[in-house]
Amino acid sequence: MTAAVRISLAIALLALAGCAAPVVEPAATARHVPSNVAYGNDGARMHLFIFDPNEPRSLADRKAIARRTIALEPSCAWVDAPDDVLIEATNSQGARFIETMLVAPLRCSRA
């Protein structure tokens, strides 16, 4: 393999790395509590996800952890919402919580 091919390969790998999914530790979890704020017309409610306050996280990481947490709860389902909705709802909790909380819609049954 020539040096030019190795360099091209390295550049391609770096470009692909930018497309990778968020990297979150497997043990990270979040607690969530429902609000009385409805989202849409199909029974979804906004929920407040609370993460470790000592570890600020990106929006992508908070969403990944929240989705993984909800996947383990058979009575709740994640409702897709635009990032703008999540950011605005989370920002309403206060600037100091922006990187340690997430407000996102869920549809949960009482079963």
C-alpha atoms as a PDB file:
ATOM      1  CA  MET A   1       0.000   0.000   0.000  1.00  0.00           C
ATOM      2  CA  THR A   2       1.478   3.328  -1.022  1.00  0.00           C
ATOM      3  CA  ALA A   3       1.731   6.333   1.257  1.00  0.00           C
ATOM      4  CA  ALA A   4      -0.852   8.202  -0.832  1.00  0.00           C
ATOM      5  CA  VAL A   5      -3.351   5.353  -0.438  1.00  0.00           C
ATOM      6  CA  ARG A   6      -2.731   5.204   3.330  1.00  0.00           C
ATOM      7  CA  ILE A   7      -3.313   8.952   3.634  1.00  0.00           C
ATOM      8  CA  SER A   8      -6.488   8.741   1.542  1.00  0.00           C
ATOM      9  CA  LEU A   9      -7.721   5.869   3.678  1.00  0.00           C
ATOM     10  CA  ALA A  10      -6.976   7.791   6.882  1.00  0.00           C
ATOM     11  CA  ILE A  11      -8.872  10.845   5.593  1.00  0.00           C
ATOM     12  CA  ALA A  12     -11.832   8.665   4.616  1.00  0.00           C
ATOM     13  CA  LEU A  13     -11.920   7.073   8.075  1.00  0.00           C
ATOM     14  CA  LEU A  14     -11.829  10.475   9.754  1.00  0.00           C
ATOM     15  CA  ALA A  15     -14.706  11.664   7.577  1.00  0.00           C
ATOM     16  CA  LEU A  16     -16.744   8.580   8.485  1.00  0.00           C
ATOM     17  CA  ALA A  17     -16.009   9.069  12.180  1.00  0.00           C
ATOM     18  CA  GLY A  18     -17.888  12.367  12.016  1.00  0.00           C
ATOM     19  CA  CYS A  19     -20.995  10.440  10.943  1.00  0.00           C
ATOM     20  CA  ALA A  20     -20.890   8.017  13.851  1.00  0.00           C
ATOM     21  CA  ALA A  21     -23.618   7.847  16.470  1.00  0.00           C
ATOM     22  CA  PRO A  22     -23.119   9.664  19.760  1.00  0.00           C
ATOM     23  CA  VAL A  23     -20.779   7.904  22.137  1.00  0.00           C
ATOM     24  CA  VAL A  24     -22.452   7.337  25.481  1.00  0.00           C
ATOM     25  CA  GLU A  25     -21.338   5.067  28.248  1.00  0.00           C
ATOM     26  CA  PRO A  26     -23.487   1.930  28.480  1.00  0.00           C
ATOM     27  CA  ALA A  27     -24.223   2.409  32.177  1.00  0.00           C
ATOM     28  CA  ALA A  28     -25.593   5.953  31.787  1.00  0.00           C
ATOM     29  CA  THR A  29     -29.256   6.234  32.667  1.00  0.00           C
ATOM     30  CA  ALA A  30     -31.819   8.935  33.226  1.00  0.00           C
ATOM     31  CA  ARG A  31     -34.852   9.299  35.420  1.00  0.00           C
ATOM     32  CA  HIS A  32     -37.949  10.849  33.905  1.00  0.00           C
ATOM     33  CA  VAL A  33     -41.131  12.402  35.221  1.00  0.00           C
ATOM     34  CA  PRO A  34     -44.247  13.280  33.241  1.00  0.00           C
ATOM     35  CA  SER A  35     -45.632  16.778  32.967  1.00  0.00           C
ATOM     36  CA  ASN A  36     -49.162  17.918  32.241  1.00  0.00           C
ATOM     37  CA  VAL A  37     -48.038  19.418  28.906  1.00  0.00           C
ATOM     38  CA  ALA A  38     -49.491  17.533  25.939  1.00  0.00           C
ATOM     39  CA  TYR A  39     -47.573  16.967  22.712  1.00  0.00           C
ATOM     40  CA  GLY A  40     -49.653  16.412  19.605  1.00  0.00           C
ATOM     41  CA  ASN A  41     -53.131  14.903  19.612  1.00  0.00           C
ATOM     42  CA  ASP A  42     -52.378  11.247  20.293  1.00  0.00           C
ATOM     43  CA  GLY A  43     -51.952  11.157  24.054  1.00  0.00           C
ATOM     44  CA  ALA A  44     -48.257  12.023  24.276  1.00  0.00           C
ATOM     45  CA  ARG A  45     -47.028  14.131  27.172  1.00  0.00           C
ATOM     46  CA  MET A  46     -43.773  15.949  27.663  1.00  0.00           C
ATOM     47  CA  HIS A  47     -41.474  14.235  30.163  1.00  0.00           C
ATOM     48  CA  LEU A  48     -38.520  15.713  31.984  1.00  0.00           C
ATOM     49  CA  PHE A  49     -35.427  13.503  31.814  1.00  0.00           C
ATOM     50  CA  ILE A  50     -32.895  14.109  34.574  1.00  0.00           C
ATOM     51  CA  PHE A  51     -29.263  13.110  34.044  1.00  0.00           C
ATOM     52  CA  ASP A  52     -26.201  13.188  36.293  1.00  0.00           C
ATOM     53  CA  PRO A  53     -25.830  16.929  37.055  1.00  0.00           C
ATOM     54  CA  ASN A  54     -22.055  16.528  37.342  1.00  0.00           C
ATOM     55  CA  GLU A  55     -21.677  15.488  33.714  1.00  0.00           C
ATOM     56  CA  PRO A  56     -22.849  17.905  31.020  1.00  0.00           C
ATOM     57  CA  ARG A  57     -23.920  16.073  27.848  1.00  0.00           C
ATOM     58  CA  SER A  58     -24.665  17.034  24.266  1.00  0.00           C
ATOM     59  CA  LEU A  59     -28.220  16.937  22.962  1.00  0.00           C
ATOM     60  CA  ALA A  60     -27.371  13.838  20.926  1.00  0.00           C
ATOM     61  CA  ASP A  61     -26.017  12.027  24.000  1.00  0.00           C
ATOM     62  CA  ARG A  62     -29.009  12.998  26.156  1.00  0.00           C
ATOM     63  CA  LYS A  63     -31.417  11.797  23.456  1.00  0.00           C
ATOM     64  CA  ALA A  64     -29.530   8.502  23.074  1.00  0.00           C
ATOM     65  CA  ILE A  65     -29.578   7.831  26.819  1.00  0.00           C
ATOM     66  CA  ALA A  66     -33.257   8.828  27.124  1.00  0.00           C
ATOM     67  CA  ARG A  67     -34.261   6.610  24.203  1.00  0.00           C
ATOM     68  CA  ARG A  68     -32.294   3.682  25.656  1.00  0.00           C
ATOM     69  CA  THR A  69     -33.960   4.239  29.049  1.00  0.00           C
ATOM     70  CA  ILE A  70     -37.438   4.297  27.489  1.00  0.00           C
ATOM     71  CA  ALA A  71     -36.733   1.174  25.442  1.00  0.00           C
ATOM     72  CA  LEU A  72     -36.493  -0.694  28.770  1.00  0.00           C
ATOM     73  CA  GLU A  73     -39.929   0.513  29.915  1.00  0.00           C
ATOM     74  CA  PRO A  74     -42.702  -1.487  28.257  1.00  0.00           C
ATOM     75  CA  SER A  75     -45.386   1.003  29.265  1.00  0.00           C
ATOM     76  CA  CYS A  76     -43.789   3.986  27.479  1.00  0.00           C
ATOM     77  CA  ALA A  77     -42.842   4.760  23.897  1.00  0.00           C
ATOM     78  CA  TRP A  78     -40.591   7.480  22.522  1.00  0.00           C
ATOM     79  CA  VAL A  79     -42.406  10.021  20.334  1.00  0.00           C
ATOM     80  CA  ASP A  80     -40.256  11.577  17.630  1.00  0.00           C
ATOM     81  CA  ALA A  81     -40.163  15.349  17.841  1.00  0.00           C
ATOM     82  CA  PRO A  82     -37.928  17.848  16.060  1.00  0.00           C
ATOM     83  CA  ASP A  83     -34.753  18.817  17.917  1.00  0.00           C
ATOM     84  CA  ASP A  84     -36.012  22.425  18.006  1.00  0.00           C
ATOM     85  CA  VAL A  85     -38.975  21.304  20.131  1.00  0.00           C
ATOM     86  CA  LEU A  86     -36.706  19.394  22.526  1.00  0.00           C
ATOM     87  CA  ILE A  87     -34.244  22.293  22.792  1.00  0.00           C
ATOM     88  CA  GLU A  88     -36.955  24.886  23.431  1.00  0.00           C
ATOM     89  CA  ALA A  89     -38.730  22.738  26.029  1.00  0.00           C
ATOM     90  CA  THR A  90     -35.441  21.926  27.769  1.00  0.00           C
ATOM     91  CA  ASN A  91     -34.324  25.569  27.734  1.00  0.00           C
ATOM     92  CA  SER A  92     -37.559  26.495  29.510  1.00  0.00           C
ATOM     93  CA  GLN A  93     -36.238  24.608  32.571  1.00  0.00           C
ATOM     94  CA  GLY A  94     -33.480  27.186  32.983  1.00  0.00           C
ATOM     95  CA  ALA A  95     -30.053  27.841  31.498  1.00  0.00           C
ATOM     96  CA  ARG A  96     -28.156  25.978  34.204  1.00  0.00           C
ATOM     97  CA  PHE A  97     -29.947  22.711  33.330  1.00  0.00           C
ATOM     98  CA  ILE A  98     -29.524  22.790  29.546  1.00  0.00           C
ATOM     99  CA  GLU A  99     -26.821  20.092  29.447  1.00  0.00           C
ATOM    100  CA  THR A 100     -28.114  17.918  32.302  1.00  0.00           C
ATOM    101  CA  MET A 101     -31.827  17.643  31.461  1.00  0.00           C
ATOM    102  CA  LEU A 102     -33.979  16.902  28.451  1.00  0.00           C
ATOM    103  CA  VAL A 103     -37.672  17.503  27.889  1.00  0.00           C
ATOM    104  CA  ALA A 104     -39.114  15.090  25.316  1.00  0.00           C
ATOM    105  CA  PRO A 105     -42.512  13.640  24.471  1.00  0.00           C
ATOM    106  CA  LEU A 106     -43.516  10.090  25.426  1.00  0.00           C
ATOM    107  CA  ARG A 107     -46.674   8.089  25.112  1.00  0.00           C
ATOM    108  CA  CYS A 108     -47.168   6.009  28.258  1.00  0.00           C
ATOM    109  CA  SER A 109     -49.931   3.694  29.391  1.00  0.00           C
ATOM    110  CA  ARG A 110     -50.882   3.081  32.987  1.00  0.00           C
ATOM    111  CA  ALA A 111     -50.460  -0.663  32.625  1.00  0.00           C
END
